[in-house]
Amino acid sequence: MAATYLTKTFASGGSITKWTYSVWLKRSKISYNTANIFGRYQSADYFTGLYFSSDDGLQFLQKYGGSNDGRLMTSDKYRDTSGWMHIVAVWDSANSTADDRMKLYVNGVSPTIINRVNATQNRGSTWNTSNPDNDIGRANGMDGDTNYFDGLMSHIHFCDGYAYSASDFGETDATTGEWKLKTSPSVSYGTTGFNILKNGNSVTDTSPNSNNFTVGGGTLTKTEDCPDNVFATFNPLSVSRGQSYESGNTDTEVVANAAQIAGSSTLGMSSGKFYAEFQLYSFNTNRSKIGICDNPSELDRGNTVLGESTYSISYGGENGNIIANSSTVATASSYTTNDIIGVAVNLDDNNILFYKNGVVQNSGTPISINAASSTTTGSYFFTVGDSSASYKSQFKANFGNGYFGTGAVSSAGANASGNGIFEYDCPAGFTALSTKGLNL
């Protein structure tokens, strides 16, 4: 999460001429400033680290004496906020081949480098020293400590004194062709090496070294979202009406008039049964809307309220009206701040049910919806919004991670699917909207 970082001062320094850093991560914010993955900032003249630049390229940089003495800058831009990516950075300055002194791998492949400065042979890095502030998620002192990484990280391996390749930490799935993690890679860690965030949000080192990190600032939140099971979030690329997102893109934050659509899920639903929960936490006038639609970007550009198009349906906070295609098809209980609205979408039988604080609405009678195959996109997306361009509703979503924003659910309900954690019982036969859920 933003402004969260890990830090470590090693009892003694490791190799400053050879090491490998491997991390799986999922970005939340893009194109906003330098986003440090890891680094040690000694001064403006001495720095070693890996970060996303403001144009979303990836940079592996060593500054020495005020000059770039080792730099790899990619032409590829990394703007996907819906999926995980694997990055490996290798520092091997003693290598006799200049181009092999720094290496980068993204999802098992060496990216295209548009700016290369080879490191001076045997040049030492500022990272992996016994000095303070070997940081993950920021670089202490760099640009006033504002350049935090915003997103999720998992399965961090640091191998002191070894130059490994991406294939030591990941592999190509023989069935899907996708790059996937090795949960227990056969690597060595040297003296200062470590393996953290392997399972959940533990900063306890699971390598033989016991090089535990500490949380230097912010809150380190456990999430069900991981490289093996990607959960839906709000999609920052689908709507651009002054809406921004926090807490890993599960918390809407209004910075201007929201104008109808406030957020939609990154993952779409074309078949199966899916459940999600939404909490209204702020509004000017309670004109909030929670439901589904087939194309939230088109709704927003058309200045259309959720529920007022053929392939959308909404449950309103002000009066409890459930609206589809501009017509009220049912009336449920109204809801207000802190109420939790569950949405159960059944695309096998083409209907939807709404819940308020765990209680099913419309006497449990499902409301019919059009088949996903007949929609303009072939899918439905969980969507929240407002019926006014002047007033603003703000929401927190729990797509199964077990949190509303940074607040954990107070009492996890039953979920027979075993996929996702919700405040209330997940309806029988339904599951969380995630890559695992899509394949159940």
Protein backbone atom coordinates (compact mmCIF):
# COMPACT_ATOMS: atom_id res chain seq x y z
CA MET A 1 0.00 0.00 0.00
CA ALA A 2 1.05 3.60 -0.42
CA ALA A 3 3.48 4.96 2.22
CA THR A 4 4.22 1.42 3.43
CA TYR A 5 7.77 0.15 3.31
CA LEU A 6 10.08 -2.46 4.81
CA THR A 7 13.58 -1.78 6.06
CA LYS A 8 16.65 -3.66 7.22
CA THR A 9 20.13 -2.86 8.54
CA PHE A 10 22.33 -5.91 8.09
CA ALA A 11 24.69 -6.87 10.92
CA SER A 12 27.47 -7.10 8.35
CA GLY A 13 27.55 -6.31 4.66
CA GLY A 14 27.20 -8.91 1.95
CA SER A 15 28.59 -8.95 -1.55
CA ILE A 16 28.38 -5.57 -3.24
CA THR A 17 29.58 -6.98 -6.58
CA LYS A 18 27.18 -9.93 -7.05
CA TRP A 19 23.59 -10.45 -5.98
CA THR A 20 20.10 -11.26 -7.33
CA TYR A 21 16.74 -9.77 -6.34
CA SER A 22 13.49 -11.52 -7.33
CA VAL A 23 9.97 -10.21 -6.60
CA TRP A 24 6.39 -10.77 -7.72
CA LEU A 25 4.33 -7.58 -7.67
CA LYS A 26 1.02 -6.08 -8.72
CA ARG A 27 0.81 -2.34 -9.35
CA SER A 28 -2.08 -0.22 -8.06
CA LYS A 29 -1.18 3.28 -9.26
CA ILE A 30 0.56 4.11 -12.50
CA SER A 31 2.08 7.23 -14.09
CA TYR A 32 2.19 9.20 -10.86
CA ASN A 33 5.85 9.42 -9.76
CA THR A 34 8.91 7.26 -9.26
CA ALA A 35 7.78 4.04 -7.55
CA ASN A 36 10.66 2.34 -5.76
CA ILE A 37 10.59 -1.46 -5.64
CA PHE A 38 13.77 -1.63 -3.57
CA GLY A 39 16.82 0.55 -3.06
CA ARG A 40 19.39 2.12 -0.83
CA TYR A 41 19.81 5.87 -1.16
CA GLN A 42 23.06 7.00 0.40
CA SER A 43 22.94 10.49 -1.12
CA ALA A 44 22.05 12.18 -4.40
CA ASP A 45 25.42 10.95 -5.69
CA TYR A 46 25.23 7.34 -4.48
CA PHE A 47 22.18 5.13 -5.03
CA THR A 48 21.34 1.60 -6.12
CA GLY A 49 17.77 0.54 -6.77
CA LEU A 50 14.97 -0.69 -8.98
CA TYR A 51 11.92 1.43 -9.70
CA PHE A 52 9.10 2.33 -12.08
CA SER A 53 9.60 5.80 -13.55
CA SER A 54 6.75 8.26 -14.02
CA ASP A 55 6.26 7.07 -17.62
CA ASP A 56 5.81 3.49 -16.28
CA GLY A 57 9.09 2.21 -17.67
CA LEU A 58 11.32 0.11 -15.44
CA GLN A 59 14.77 1.32 -14.36
CA PHE A 60 17.59 -0.54 -12.65
CA LEU A 61 20.02 2.20 -11.63
CA GLN A 62 23.37 2.63 -9.92
CA LYS A 63 24.63 6.15 -9.22
CA TYR A 64 28.24 6.53 -8.16
CA GLY A 65 29.92 9.87 -7.59
CA GLY A 66 26.96 11.70 -9.08
CA SER A 67 27.09 9.83 -12.41
CA ASN A 68 25.13 6.87 -13.75
CA ASP A 69 27.54 4.00 -13.32
CA GLY A 70 25.16 1.23 -14.29
CA ARG A 71 21.73 1.77 -15.80
CA LEU A 72 19.07 -0.29 -17.57
CA MET A 73 16.00 1.62 -18.77
CA THR A 74 13.24 -0.28 -20.55
CA SER A 75 11.21 0.87 -23.52
CA ASP A 76 8.37 -1.37 -22.31
CA LYS A 77 5.73 0.33 -20.18
CA TYR A 78 4.15 -1.58 -17.31
CA ARG A 79 0.61 -0.28 -16.86
CA ASP A 80 -1.33 -3.42 -16.03
CA THR A 81 -3.02 -2.98 -12.65
CA SER A 82 -5.05 -6.19 -12.88
CA GLY A 83 -2.31 -8.84 -12.92
CA TRP A 84 0.91 -9.85 -11.20
CA MET A 85 4.34 -9.60 -12.79
CA HIS A 86 7.68 -11.17 -11.93
CA ILE A 87 10.84 -9.05 -11.92
CA VAL A 88 14.41 -10.25 -11.43
CA ALA A 89 17.32 -7.80 -11.13
CA VAL A 90 20.89 -9.12 -11.21
CA TRP A 91 23.98 -7.13 -10.16
CA ASP A 92 27.21 -8.82 -11.25
CA SER A 93 29.76 -6.04 -11.60
CA ALA A 94 32.76 -8.38 -11.51
CA ASN A 95 31.63 -9.99 -14.76
CA SER A 96 34.19 -9.60 -17.57
CA THR A 97 31.36 -9.12 -20.11
CA ALA A 98 30.19 -5.54 -19.69
CA ASP A 99 26.61 -6.17 -20.85
CA ASP A 100 26.21 -8.93 -18.25
CA ARG A 101 27.06 -6.80 -15.24
CA MET A 102 23.41 -5.78 -14.87
CA LYS A 103 20.46 -7.88 -16.01
CA LEU A 104 16.69 -7.49 -15.89
CA TYR A 105 13.99 -10.09 -16.48
CA VAL A 106 10.23 -9.42 -16.58
CA ASN A 107 8.02 -12.51 -16.58
CA GLY A 108 10.98 -14.62 -17.64
CA VAL A 109 12.02 -12.42 -20.56
CA SER A 110 14.74 -9.79 -20.92
CA PRO A 111 12.95 -6.50 -21.75
CA THR A 112 14.02 -4.11 -24.50
CA ILE A 113 16.58 -1.65 -23.11
CA ILE A 114 16.60 1.86 -24.59
CA ASN A 115 19.21 3.35 -22.27
CA ARG A 116 22.11 1.19 -21.15
CA VAL A 117 25.10 2.31 -19.10
CA ASN A 118 27.30 -0.62 -18.18
CA ALA A 119 28.65 -0.70 -14.65
CA THR A 120 32.35 -0.23 -14.10
CA GLN A 121 33.93 -3.61 -13.50
CA ASN A 122 34.01 -4.53 -9.78
CA ARG A 123 32.01 -1.45 -8.85
CA GLY A 124 30.29 -1.91 -5.51
CA SER A 125 26.57 -1.27 -5.01
CA THR A 126 25.15 0.81 -2.17
CA TRP A 127 22.53 -1.92 -1.69
CA ASN A 128 23.49 -4.91 0.48
CA THR A 129 25.81 -2.98 2.78
CA SER A 130 25.79 -2.88 6.57
CA ASN A 131 24.65 0.73 6.48
CA PRO A 132 21.06 1.58 7.50
CA ASP A 133 18.06 1.72 5.22
CA ASN A 134 18.16 -1.17 2.80
CA ASP A 135 14.53 -0.49 1.92
CA ILE A 136 11.76 -2.33 0.11
CA GLY A 137 8.91 -0.19 -1.21
CA ARG A 138 10.88 3.08 -1.09
CA ALA A 139 14.45 4.44 -1.05
CA ASN A 140 15.09 6.41 2.14
CA GLY A 141 15.85 10.07 1.43
CA MET A 142 15.18 9.88 -2.31
CA ASP A 143 13.04 12.84 -3.38
CA GLY A 144 11.88 13.50 0.15
CA ASP A 145 10.71 9.94 0.80
CA THR A 146 7.69 10.44 -1.45
CA ASN A 147 8.43 7.72 -3.96
CA TYR A 148 6.73 4.73 -2.39
CA PHE A 149 5.65 1.71 -4.36
CA ASP A 150 1.83 1.51 -4.44
CA GLY A 151 0.56 -2.02 -4.85
CA LEU A 152 1.21 -5.59 -3.71
CA MET A 153 4.42 -7.59 -3.37
CA SER A 154 4.96 -11.30 -2.78
CA HIS A 155 7.66 -13.99 -2.75
CA ILE A 156 10.71 -11.75 -2.42
CA HIS A 157 14.03 -13.58 -2.72
CA PHE A 158 17.40 -11.87 -2.28
CA CYS A 159 20.45 -14.00 -3.03
CA ASP A 160 23.70 -12.54 -1.71
CA GLY A 161 26.74 -13.53 -3.78
CA TYR A 162 24.82 -15.26 -6.58
CA ALA A 163 23.82 -14.26 -10.11
CA TYR A 164 20.68 -16.21 -10.97
CA SER A 165 18.35 -16.09 -13.95
CA ALA A 166 14.57 -15.71 -13.99
CA SER A 167 14.15 -19.44 -14.63
CA ASP A 168 15.54 -20.13 -11.16
CA PHE A 169 12.48 -18.44 -9.63
CA GLY A 170 9.75 -19.03 -12.23
CA GLU A 171 8.76 -21.23 -15.14
CA THR A 172 6.40 -21.38 -18.10
CA ASP A 173 3.19 -23.29 -17.52
CA ALA A 174 3.10 -26.16 -20.01
CA THR A 175 -0.69 -25.87 -20.44
CA THR A 176 -1.35 -22.10 -20.49
CA GLY A 177 2.03 -20.81 -21.66
CA GLU A 178 1.97 -18.26 -18.82
CA TRP A 179 4.91 -17.45 -16.59
CA LYS A 180 4.31 -18.80 -13.08
CA LEU A 181 6.21 -18.80 -9.80
CA LYS A 182 8.23 -21.56 -8.24
CA THR A 183 7.08 -21.52 -4.64
CA SER A 184 10.29 -23.14 -3.36
CA PRO A 185 13.10 -22.35 -5.81
CA SER A 186 16.43 -24.15 -5.48
CA VAL A 187 18.61 -21.12 -4.75
CA SER A 188 21.21 -20.15 -2.16
CA TYR A 189 21.05 -16.98 -0.08
CA GLY A 190 24.62 -16.28 1.04
CA THR A 191 25.04 -14.22 4.21
CA THR A 192 22.61 -11.30 3.84
CA GLY A 193 20.09 -13.08 1.60
CA PHE A 194 16.47 -13.47 2.59
CA ASN A 195 13.06 -14.77 1.53
CA ILE A 196 10.10 -12.76 2.84
CA LEU A 197 6.40 -12.31 2.04
CA LYS A 198 6.32 -15.93 0.99
CA ASN A 199 2.96 -16.64 2.62
CA GLY A 200 0.87 -13.62 3.53
CA ASN A 201 2.35 -10.46 5.00
CA SER A 202 5.09 -12.02 7.10
CA VAL A 203 8.42 -10.16 7.07
CA THR A 204 10.07 -13.08 8.85
CA ASP A 205 12.87 -14.46 6.70
CA THR A 206 12.19 -18.09 5.70
CA SER A 207 15.71 -18.59 4.34
CA PRO A 208 18.32 -20.15 6.67
CA ASN A 209 19.64 -16.65 7.52
CA SER A 210 16.87 -15.22 9.72
CA ASN A 211 17.34 -11.80 8.11
CA ASN A 212 13.96 -10.51 9.22
CA PHE A 213 12.74 -7.12 8.00
CA THR A 214 10.65 -4.61 9.89
CA VAL A 215 7.76 -2.43 8.73
CA GLY A 216 9.32 1.03 8.64
CA GLY A 217 6.08 2.89 7.99
CA GLY A 218 2.49 2.42 6.94
CA THR A 219 0.49 -0.79 7.29
CA LEU A 220 1.44 -4.11 5.75
CA THR A 221 -1.89 -5.72 4.85
CA LYS A 222 -2.40 -9.41 4.12
CA THR A 223 -4.36 -10.09 0.94
CA GLU A 224 -5.82 -13.19 -0.67
CA ASP A 225 -4.66 -11.73 -4.00
CA CYS A 226 -1.45 -13.48 -5.01
CA PRO A 227 0.42 -14.61 -8.15
CA ASP A 228 -1.49 -17.91 -8.09
CA ASN A 229 -4.93 -16.32 -7.69
CA VAL A 230 -5.55 -12.78 -8.97
CA PHE A 231 -8.63 -11.09 -7.50
CA ALA A 232 -10.72 -8.38 -9.12
CA THR A 233 -10.24 -4.76 -8.03
CA PHE A 234 -11.65 -1.47 -9.25
CA ASN A 235 -10.19 -0.74 -12.68
CA PRO A 236 -8.42 2.65 -12.84
CA LEU A 237 -8.19 2.40 -16.63
CA SER A 238 -11.91 2.06 -17.36
CA VAL A 239 -13.21 5.40 -16.05
CA SER A 240 -11.60 8.84 -15.92
CA ARG A 241 -14.16 11.20 -14.42
CA GLY A 242 -12.09 12.56 -11.55
CA GLN A 243 -12.10 9.21 -9.77
CA SER A 244 -9.04 7.74 -8.10
CA TYR A 245 -8.50 4.66 -6.01
CA GLU A 246 -6.70 3.70 -2.82
CA SER A 247 -5.99 0.50 -0.87
CA GLY A 248 -4.90 -1.57 -3.83
CA ASN A 249 -7.72 -0.13 -6.01
CA THR A 250 -10.51 -1.35 -3.72
CA ASP A 251 -11.39 2.04 -2.23
CA THR A 252 -12.85 4.83 -4.38
CA GLU A 253 -11.52 8.30 -3.66
CA VAL A 254 -13.31 11.19 -5.37
CA VAL A 255 -11.12 14.12 -6.43
CA ALA A 256 -13.70 15.82 -8.65
CA ASN A 257 -17.29 15.26 -9.77
CA ALA A 258 -17.70 11.51 -10.11
CA ALA A 259 -20.49 11.79 -12.69
CA GLN A 260 -22.45 8.56 -12.58
CA ILE A 261 -19.85 5.77 -12.70
CA ALA A 262 -17.41 5.54 -9.79
CA GLY A 263 -15.80 2.16 -10.36
CA SER A 264 -15.99 -1.21 -12.08
CA SER A 265 -14.21 -4.52 -11.64
CA THR A 266 -11.06 -5.38 -13.56
CA LEU A 267 -12.33 -8.90 -14.24
CA GLY A 268 -15.50 -9.58 -16.22
CA MET A 269 -18.02 -12.39 -15.81
CA SER A 270 -19.37 -14.34 -18.79
CA SER A 271 -20.50 -17.54 -17.04
CA GLY A 272 -20.59 -18.94 -13.52
CA LYS A 273 -21.77 -17.58 -10.16
CA PHE A 274 -19.91 -14.73 -8.44
CA TYR A 275 -20.32 -12.75 -5.23
CA ALA A 276 -18.83 -9.43 -4.06
CA GLU A 277 -19.49 -6.95 -1.24
CA PHE A 278 -19.53 -3.14 -1.30
CA GLN A 279 -19.63 -0.69 1.58
CA LEU A 280 -20.93 2.85 1.12
CA TYR A 281 -18.78 5.05 3.34
CA SER A 282 -19.49 8.61 2.18
CA PHE A 283 -22.02 10.59 0.16
CA ASN A 284 -23.40 14.12 -0.32
CA THR A 285 -26.95 12.96 -1.00
CA ASN A 286 -27.59 9.26 -0.90
CA ARG A 287 -27.94 8.59 -4.62
CA SER A 288 -25.56 5.67 -4.57
CA LYS A 289 -25.90 2.80 -7.04
CA ILE A 290 -24.46 -0.71 -6.73
CA GLY A 291 -24.84 -3.43 -9.34
CA ILE A 292 -23.48 -4.67 -12.65
CA CYS A 293 -23.16 -3.51 -16.23
CA ASP A 294 -21.58 -4.75 -19.43
CA ASN A 295 -19.50 -1.69 -20.36
CA PRO A 296 -18.91 0.91 -17.63
CA SER A 297 -16.68 3.09 -19.79
CA GLU A 298 -19.42 3.51 -22.37
CA LEU A 299 -21.94 4.31 -19.65
CA ASP A 300 -19.67 7.02 -18.30
CA ARG A 301 -19.00 8.59 -21.68
CA GLY A 302 -22.72 8.53 -22.38
CA ASN A 303 -23.41 10.24 -19.03
CA THR A 304 -25.75 7.36 -18.18
CA VAL A 305 -26.72 6.26 -14.67
CA LEU A 306 -26.16 2.63 -13.67
CA GLY A 307 -29.42 0.77 -14.28
CA GLU A 308 -30.53 3.01 -17.13
CA SER A 309 -29.17 0.91 -19.97
CA THR A 310 -30.19 -2.45 -21.41
CA TYR A 311 -27.31 -4.35 -19.89
CA SER A 312 -27.08 -2.81 -16.43
CA ILE A 313 -28.92 -3.17 -13.15
CA SER A 314 -28.56 -1.20 -9.92
CA TYR A 315 -29.64 -1.20 -6.29
CA GLY A 316 -30.11 2.37 -5.01
CA GLY A 317 -29.26 3.57 -1.52
CA GLU A 318 -31.74 6.44 -1.33
CA ASN A 319 -34.95 4.46 -1.80
CA GLY A 320 -33.92 0.83 -2.25
CA ASN A 321 -35.15 0.73 -5.83
CA ILE A 322 -33.67 -1.98 -8.01
CA ILE A 323 -33.56 -0.58 -11.53
CA ALA A 324 -32.93 -2.24 -14.88
CA ASN A 325 -33.23 -0.52 -18.27
CA SER A 326 -34.59 2.63 -16.56
CA SER A 327 -37.47 0.72 -14.94
CA THR A 328 -37.90 -0.16 -11.28
CA VAL A 329 -38.16 -3.95 -11.20
CA ALA A 330 -38.19 -4.38 -7.41
CA THR A 331 -37.97 -2.37 -4.20
CA ALA A 332 -35.64 -3.39 -1.40
CA SER A 333 -34.50 -1.75 1.84
CA SER A 334 -32.67 1.54 1.54
CA TYR A 335 -29.06 1.62 2.72
CA THR A 336 -26.67 4.23 4.04
CA THR A 337 -23.09 4.67 5.24
CA ASN A 338 -21.40 1.58 6.68
CA ASP A 339 -24.04 -0.77 5.32
CA ILE A 340 -22.58 -3.65 3.33
CA ILE A 341 -24.31 -4.63 0.11
CA GLY A 342 -23.70 -8.08 -1.31
CA VAL A 343 -24.19 -8.74 -5.01
CA ALA A 344 -24.64 -12.33 -6.24
CA VAL A 345 -24.51 -12.67 -10.03
CA ASN A 346 -25.71 -15.98 -11.48
CA LEU A 347 -24.76 -16.20 -15.15
CA ASP A 348 -25.68 -19.86 -15.40
CA ASP A 349 -29.35 -19.03 -14.77
CA ASN A 350 -29.10 -15.33 -15.77
CA ASN A 351 -30.29 -13.64 -12.61
CA ILE A 352 -29.01 -11.49 -9.74
CA LEU A 353 -29.67 -11.16 -6.01
CA PHE A 354 -28.81 -8.30 -3.65
CA TYR A 355 -28.11 -8.53 0.08
CA LYS A 356 -28.06 -5.83 2.77
CA ASN A 357 -25.88 -6.66 5.77
CA GLY A 358 -26.28 -10.36 5.04
CA VAL A 359 -30.06 -10.27 4.53
CA VAL A 360 -31.29 -11.21 1.06
CA GLN A 361 -33.52 -8.58 -0.58
CA ASN A 362 -36.69 -8.87 -2.70
CA SER A 363 -37.78 -11.79 -0.47
CA GLY A 364 -35.05 -13.89 -2.04
CA THR A 365 -36.63 -13.78 -5.49
CA PRO A 366 -33.88 -13.54 -8.14
CA ILE A 367 -34.14 -10.74 -10.68
CA SER A 368 -33.68 -11.75 -14.30
CA ILE A 369 -30.87 -10.29 -16.40
CA ASN A 370 -29.89 -10.70 -20.03
CA ALA A 371 -27.42 -13.44 -20.85
CA ALA A 372 -23.82 -12.22 -20.90
CA SER A 373 -23.47 -13.57 -24.44
CA SER A 374 -26.04 -11.01 -25.66
CA THR A 375 -24.22 -7.98 -24.20
CA THR A 376 -21.95 -5.64 -26.13
CA THR A 377 -18.81 -6.98 -24.42
CA GLY A 378 -19.88 -10.56 -23.71
CA SER A 379 -19.35 -9.98 -19.99
CA TYR A 380 -20.75 -8.24 -16.94
CA PHE A 381 -18.66 -6.21 -14.49
CA PHE A 382 -19.39 -5.36 -10.86
CA THR A 383 -20.03 -1.59 -10.89
CA VAL A 384 -20.75 1.21 -8.40
CA GLY A 385 -21.81 4.78 -9.05
CA ASP A 386 -24.13 7.68 -8.35
CA SER A 387 -27.24 9.04 -10.02
CA SER A 388 -25.97 12.62 -9.92
CA ALA A 389 -23.11 14.36 -11.70
CA SER A 390 -22.87 16.88 -8.87
CA TYR A 391 -22.96 14.66 -5.80
CA LYS A 392 -20.58 11.91 -4.92
CA SER A 393 -20.87 8.47 -3.38
CA GLN A 394 -17.72 6.72 -2.21
CA PHE A 395 -17.36 2.98 -1.82
CA LYS A 396 -15.06 0.30 -0.46
CA ALA A 397 -15.11 -3.05 -2.23
CA ASN A 398 -14.40 -6.52 -0.93
CA PHE A 399 -13.95 -8.75 -3.95
CA GLY A 400 -12.87 -11.56 -1.64
CA ASN A 401 -9.66 -10.24 -0.10
CA GLY A 402 -11.31 -9.94 3.30
CA TYR A 403 -10.88 -6.16 3.59
CA PHE A 404 -12.90 -3.02 3.01
CA GLY A 405 -10.11 -0.60 2.22
CA THR A 406 -7.56 -1.32 4.95
CA GLY A 407 -10.14 -2.57 7.46
CA ALA A 408 -10.46 -6.33 7.81
CA VAL A 409 -13.91 -7.92 7.89
CA SER A 410 -15.13 -8.17 11.47
CA SER A 411 -16.45 -11.74 11.27
CA ALA A 412 -15.75 -13.79 8.16
CA GLY A 413 -18.83 -15.56 6.84
CA ALA A 414 -18.99 -19.08 5.46
CA ASN A 415 -17.73 -19.71 1.95
CA ALA A 416 -18.09 -23.26 0.71
CA SER A 417 -16.04 -22.52 -2.42
CA GLY A 418 -12.97 -21.87 -0.26
CA ASN A 419 -12.10 -18.92 -2.51
CA GLY A 420 -12.24 -15.49 -0.88
CA ILE A 421 -13.12 -14.05 2.53
CA PHE A 422 -16.34 -12.04 2.96
CA GLU A 423 -18.07 -10.27 5.84
CA TYR A 424 -21.23 -12.31 5.38
CA ASP A 425 -21.92 -15.82 4.15
CA CYS A 426 -21.13 -16.26 0.48
CA PRO A 427 -24.32 -17.73 -1.09
CA ALA A 428 -24.16 -21.46 -1.79
CA GLY A 429 -22.69 -22.22 -5.21
CA PHE A 430 -21.10 -18.75 -5.56
CA THR A 431 -17.45 -17.74 -5.34
CA ALA A 432 -15.17 -14.70 -5.46
CA LEU A 433 -14.36 -13.03 -8.78
CA SER A 434 -10.74 -14.13 -9.23
CA THR A 435 -8.72 -16.14 -11.69
CA LYS A 436 -9.23 -19.21 -9.51
CA GLY A 437 -12.93 -18.43 -9.25
CA LEU A 438 -13.23 -18.10 -13.02
CA ASN A 439 -11.82 -21.60 -13.37
CA LEU A 440 -13.80 -23.38 -10.64
